[in-house]
Amino acid sequence: MVTQAMVRRRLNLGARINSKTGFYRGSPLANECVLYLPGLPGTGSTIYDFSGRGNDGAVVATWSQLNSGVWALDFDGTDDWVDCGTGVPALTGAFTLEAWYNEDVRVAAGRIIEKQVAYQLVVTTGVLTFVPYGTTGNDIASLTTLTLDTWYHIVAVYDLAKSYIYINGAEDISEVSTGAVTTNANKVTLGARQDLAGDLDGLIALARIYSKALSPAEVALHYQQERHLFGI
């Protein structure tokens, strides 16, 4: 039996941040991580934010545990989503969106991570699109089309000079883009927009947002550290 303690060790979750819940915080890039949803304890209507910032998500989706013990959320393409509220800090400079994703059914503009009209990581018929609103580049689409029923490590980075999409630890595409990202009071969501449009049909695990641009080396390291958890 895979226990929560085993999963915490596999995810490199470190120091305790809440004596009441016993939840733990991931040590890598802790200061710059503004949202981290590793999925523990894998039950109930809340997914807890391990960044230490308390932006827990309200879950309308199905929990699914992988053989490694890691928990993912399975979105049905109809009305499932996660609502992380409006408390995630505004991303006023460089930033990164990161998650593991497995697509069940092709959808049009399914939301993986989004703050509506601020930033979004979307999948459309297997192609990833990253949109940092307000920047000169506006949006960028992956060259790779994802295969159904396959886990991918996906990362979107904006560093104030370029936008990037990484797939499985390697750069897939980049494009010149400058300027400040739009800020607003909208919610951060997974699986759909806050108005429940753009439904996703697939699984999301280990979703993260950073208030910094991960370097190519950091992206590759995260992929190498976590790929075994997803059978890669």
Protein backbone atom coordinates (compact mmCIF):
# COMPACT_ATOMS: atom_id res chain seq x y z
CA MET A 1 0.00 0.00 0.00
CA VAL A 2 1.28 3.45 -0.94
CA THR A 3 0.96 5.79 2.05
CA GLN A 4 0.79 9.59 2.13
CA ALA A 5 4.20 9.65 3.80
CA MET A 6 5.65 7.70 0.87
CA VAL A 7 4.08 10.08 -1.64
CA ARG A 8 5.45 13.11 0.25
CA ARG A 9 8.94 11.64 0.06
CA ARG A 10 8.57 10.90 -3.65
CA LEU A 11 7.47 14.48 -4.27
CA ASN A 12 10.31 15.90 -2.15
CA LEU A 13 7.88 17.64 0.18
CA GLY A 14 9.84 19.15 3.01
CA ALA A 15 9.17 21.26 6.08
CA ARG A 16 5.83 21.18 7.88
CA ILE A 17 3.84 24.39 7.32
CA ASN A 18 0.65 23.70 9.26
CA SER A 19 0.66 21.87 12.56
CA LYS A 20 -3.10 21.32 12.45
CA THR A 21 -3.30 19.62 9.05
CA GLY A 22 0.22 18.16 9.03
CA PHE A 23 0.68 19.27 5.42
CA TYR A 24 4.16 19.73 4.07
CA ARG A 25 5.78 22.19 1.74
CA GLY A 26 8.00 21.45 -1.25
CA SER A 27 11.47 22.88 -0.74
CA PRO A 28 12.59 23.56 -4.37
CA LEU A 29 11.99 27.19 -5.37
CA ALA A 30 9.72 27.60 -2.36
CA ASN A 31 9.90 31.40 -2.24
CA GLU A 32 8.91 31.81 -5.89
CA CYS A 33 6.21 29.12 -5.93
CA VAL A 34 2.87 30.94 -5.51
CA LEU A 35 0.63 27.88 -6.04
CA TYR A 36 1.47 24.18 -5.69
CA LEU A 37 -1.22 21.50 -5.85
CA PRO A 38 0.36 18.04 -5.32
CA GLY A 39 -3.03 16.48 -4.57
CA LEU A 40 -2.57 15.20 -1.04
CA PRO A 41 -4.50 13.64 0.61
CA GLY A 42 -6.31 12.71 -2.62
CA THR A 43 -9.86 12.82 -1.35
CA GLY A 44 -12.67 15.24 -0.68
CA SER A 45 -13.74 18.51 -2.25
CA THR A 46 -10.52 20.46 -1.56
CA ILE A 47 -7.09 20.32 -3.17
CA TYR A 48 -4.59 21.88 -0.80
CA ASP A 49 -2.03 24.51 -1.76
CA PHE A 50 1.41 23.38 -0.54
CA SER A 51 3.10 26.66 -1.50
CA GLY A 52 2.36 27.92 2.00
CA ARG A 53 0.10 30.70 0.68
CA GLY A 54 -3.21 29.03 1.50
CA ASN A 55 -4.87 29.19 -1.91
CA ASP A 56 -6.61 25.84 -1.63
CA GLY A 57 -8.85 24.84 -4.54
CA ALA A 58 -12.50 23.80 -4.45
CA VAL A 59 -12.69 20.56 -6.43
CA VAL A 60 -15.46 19.49 -8.79
CA ALA A 61 -13.67 16.54 -10.42
CA THR A 62 -12.77 12.91 -9.72
CA TRP A 63 -9.65 11.88 -7.80
CA SER A 64 -7.47 9.27 -9.54
CA GLN A 65 -4.39 7.66 -7.96
CA LEU A 66 -1.52 6.52 -10.15
CA ASN A 67 0.53 3.39 -9.50
CA SER A 68 3.27 5.59 -8.04
CA GLY A 69 0.82 6.88 -5.42
CA VAL A 70 0.57 10.36 -6.91
CA TRP A 71 -2.95 11.75 -7.06
CA ALA A 72 -4.36 13.40 -10.19
CA LEU A 73 -7.69 15.08 -10.88
CA ASP A 74 -9.78 13.62 -13.71
CA PHE A 75 -11.90 16.23 -15.52
CA ASP A 76 -14.94 15.00 -17.46
CA GLY A 77 -15.11 17.61 -20.24
CA THR A 78 -18.55 18.80 -19.14
CA ASP A 79 -18.68 20.65 -15.83
CA ASP A 80 -15.56 19.73 -13.81
CA TRP A 81 -13.09 22.32 -12.58
CA VAL A 82 -10.96 23.54 -9.68
CA ASP A 83 -11.54 27.00 -8.21
CA CYS A 84 -8.46 28.38 -6.44
CA GLY A 85 -10.06 31.75 -5.80
CA THR A 86 -8.60 35.22 -6.18
CA GLY A 87 -5.83 35.03 -3.59
CA VAL A 88 -2.99 33.76 -5.80
CA PRO A 89 -0.53 36.69 -6.07
CA ALA A 90 -0.68 38.70 -9.29
CA LEU A 91 2.11 37.85 -11.73
CA THR A 92 3.53 41.27 -12.57
CA GLY A 93 6.86 40.08 -13.99
CA ALA A 94 8.34 36.83 -15.25
CA PHE A 95 6.39 33.68 -14.40
CA THR A 96 5.94 29.97 -15.06
CA LEU A 97 2.97 27.58 -15.31
CA GLU A 98 3.75 23.88 -14.81
CA ALA A 99 1.74 20.66 -14.65
CA TRP A 100 1.54 17.03 -15.70
CA TYR A 101 -1.28 16.41 -18.17
CA ASN A 102 -2.93 13.37 -19.77
CA GLU A 103 -5.65 13.97 -22.37
CA ASP A 104 -8.58 11.53 -22.51
CA VAL A 105 -10.64 13.11 -25.30
CA ARG A 106 -9.85 15.89 -27.78
CA VAL A 107 -11.45 19.19 -26.81
CA ALA A 108 -11.52 22.74 -28.14
CA ALA A 109 -9.67 25.14 -25.84
CA GLY A 110 -9.67 23.03 -22.67
CA ARG A 111 -8.16 24.98 -19.77
CA ILE A 112 -5.23 23.40 -17.91
CA ILE A 113 -4.27 26.44 -15.80
CA GLU A 114 -5.89 29.83 -16.23
CA LYS A 115 -6.51 33.22 -14.74
CA GLN A 116 -9.02 34.59 -17.23
CA VAL A 117 -7.70 37.50 -19.30
CA ALA A 118 -4.35 37.36 -17.45
CA TYR A 119 -2.68 34.06 -18.39
CA GLN A 120 -3.73 30.65 -19.64
CA LEU A 121 -2.33 27.29 -20.64
CA VAL A 122 -4.86 25.66 -22.96
CA VAL A 123 -5.08 22.49 -25.07
CA THR A 124 -6.95 22.49 -28.39
CA THR A 125 -7.18 19.18 -30.27
CA GLY A 126 -3.89 18.12 -28.71
CA VAL A 127 -1.99 21.38 -29.31
CA LEU A 128 -0.91 23.47 -26.32
CA THR A 129 -1.42 27.23 -26.36
CA PHE A 130 0.16 29.61 -23.84
CA VAL A 131 -1.33 33.09 -23.55
CA PRO A 132 0.28 35.78 -21.35
CA TYR A 133 -2.32 38.51 -21.89
CA GLY A 134 -1.06 42.04 -22.48
CA THR A 135 2.34 41.06 -23.87
CA THR A 136 3.44 41.83 -27.41
CA GLY A 137 3.58 38.16 -28.42
CA ASN A 138 0.14 37.48 -26.89
CA ASP A 139 -0.01 33.73 -27.59
CA ILE A 140 2.17 30.83 -28.67
CA ALA A 141 1.15 27.32 -29.83
CA SER A 142 3.16 24.12 -29.47
CA LEU A 143 4.68 22.43 -32.50
CA THR A 144 3.98 19.07 -30.90
CA THR A 145 0.52 17.48 -30.90
CA LEU A 146 -0.03 15.49 -27.72
CA THR A 147 -0.96 11.81 -27.96
CA LEU A 148 -4.13 10.74 -26.19
CA ASP A 149 -3.89 8.69 -22.98
CA THR A 150 -0.26 9.71 -22.46
CA TRP A 151 1.28 11.67 -19.59
CA TYR A 152 3.23 14.82 -20.47
CA HIS A 153 5.20 17.27 -18.37
CA ILE A 154 4.17 20.69 -19.71
CA VAL A 155 5.67 24.04 -18.78
CA ALA A 156 4.88 27.55 -20.03
CA VAL A 157 7.38 30.31 -19.27
CA TYR A 158 7.32 34.06 -19.78
CA ASP A 159 10.63 35.82 -18.99
CA LEU A 160 9.77 39.39 -20.15
CA ALA A 161 11.68 38.81 -23.39
CA LYS A 162 10.18 35.58 -24.74
CA SER A 163 7.38 33.10 -24.22
CA TYR A 164 8.25 29.40 -24.15
CA ILE A 165 6.48 26.05 -24.14
CA TYR A 166 8.41 23.04 -22.86
CA ILE A 167 7.22 19.45 -23.25
CA ASN A 168 8.89 16.62 -21.31
CA GLY A 169 11.81 18.74 -20.21
CA ALA A 170 12.74 20.16 -23.62
CA GLU A 171 11.85 23.42 -25.35
CA ASP A 172 9.13 22.86 -27.94
CA ILE A 173 8.77 26.45 -29.18
CA SER A 174 9.61 30.03 -28.17
CA GLU A 175 8.63 33.45 -29.43
CA VAL A 176 9.71 37.02 -28.76
CA SER A 177 7.29 38.68 -26.34
CA THR A 178 7.66 41.69 -24.06
CA GLY A 179 5.64 43.87 -21.73
CA ALA A 180 3.64 43.42 -18.55
CA VAL A 181 1.02 40.72 -18.17
CA THR A 182 -2.53 41.93 -17.58
CA THR A 183 -3.57 41.88 -13.93
CA ASN A 184 -7.13 41.58 -12.67
CA ALA A 185 -9.24 40.14 -9.85
CA ASN A 186 -10.27 36.96 -11.67
CA LYS A 187 -9.90 33.50 -10.16
CA VAL A 188 -7.14 31.00 -10.85
CA THR A 189 -8.75 27.83 -12.18
CA LEU A 190 -7.88 24.38 -13.48
CA GLY A 191 -9.96 22.35 -15.92
CA ALA A 192 -12.23 25.20 -17.06
CA ARG A 193 -12.59 28.97 -17.05
CA GLN A 194 -14.20 30.68 -14.09
CA ASP A 195 -17.40 31.00 -16.15
CA LEU A 196 -17.21 27.19 -16.68
CA ALA A 197 -16.49 27.43 -20.41
CA GLY A 198 -13.43 25.72 -21.91
CA ASP A 199 -13.93 22.35 -20.19
CA LEU A 200 -11.06 19.89 -20.18
CA ASP A 201 -11.38 16.12 -20.69
CA GLY A 202 -8.29 14.61 -19.11
CA LEU A 203 -6.13 14.42 -16.00
CA ILE A 204 -3.99 17.08 -14.33
CA ALA A 205 -1.39 16.46 -11.61
CA LEU A 206 1.21 18.51 -9.72
CA ALA A 207 -0.01 21.90 -10.99
CA ARG A 208 2.29 24.78 -10.06
CA ILE A 209 2.64 28.51 -10.64
CA TYR A 210 5.91 30.40 -10.06
CA SER A 211 6.56 34.13 -9.92
CA LYS A 212 9.80 33.58 -11.83
CA ALA A 213 10.85 32.19 -15.16
CA LEU A 214 12.16 28.66 -14.71
CA SER A 215 15.41 28.19 -16.60
CA PRO A 216 15.79 25.42 -19.20
CA ALA A 217 17.94 23.55 -16.66
CA GLU A 218 15.25 23.84 -13.96
CA VAL A 219 12.54 22.63 -16.33
CA ALA A 220 14.66 19.65 -17.37
CA LEU A 221 15.45 18.85 -13.73
CA HIS A 222 11.78 18.84 -12.73
CA TYR A 223 10.99 16.49 -15.59
CA GLN A 224 13.81 14.11 -14.72
CA GLN A 225 12.91 14.15 -11.02
CA GLU A 226 9.22 13.40 -11.63
CA ARG A 227 8.96 11.35 -14.83
CA HIS A 228 9.15 7.99 -13.01
CA LEU A 229 6.00 8.95 -11.09
CA PHE A 230 4.12 8.96 -14.41
CA GLY A 231 5.62 5.83 -15.92
CA ILE A 232 8.05 7.61 -18.23
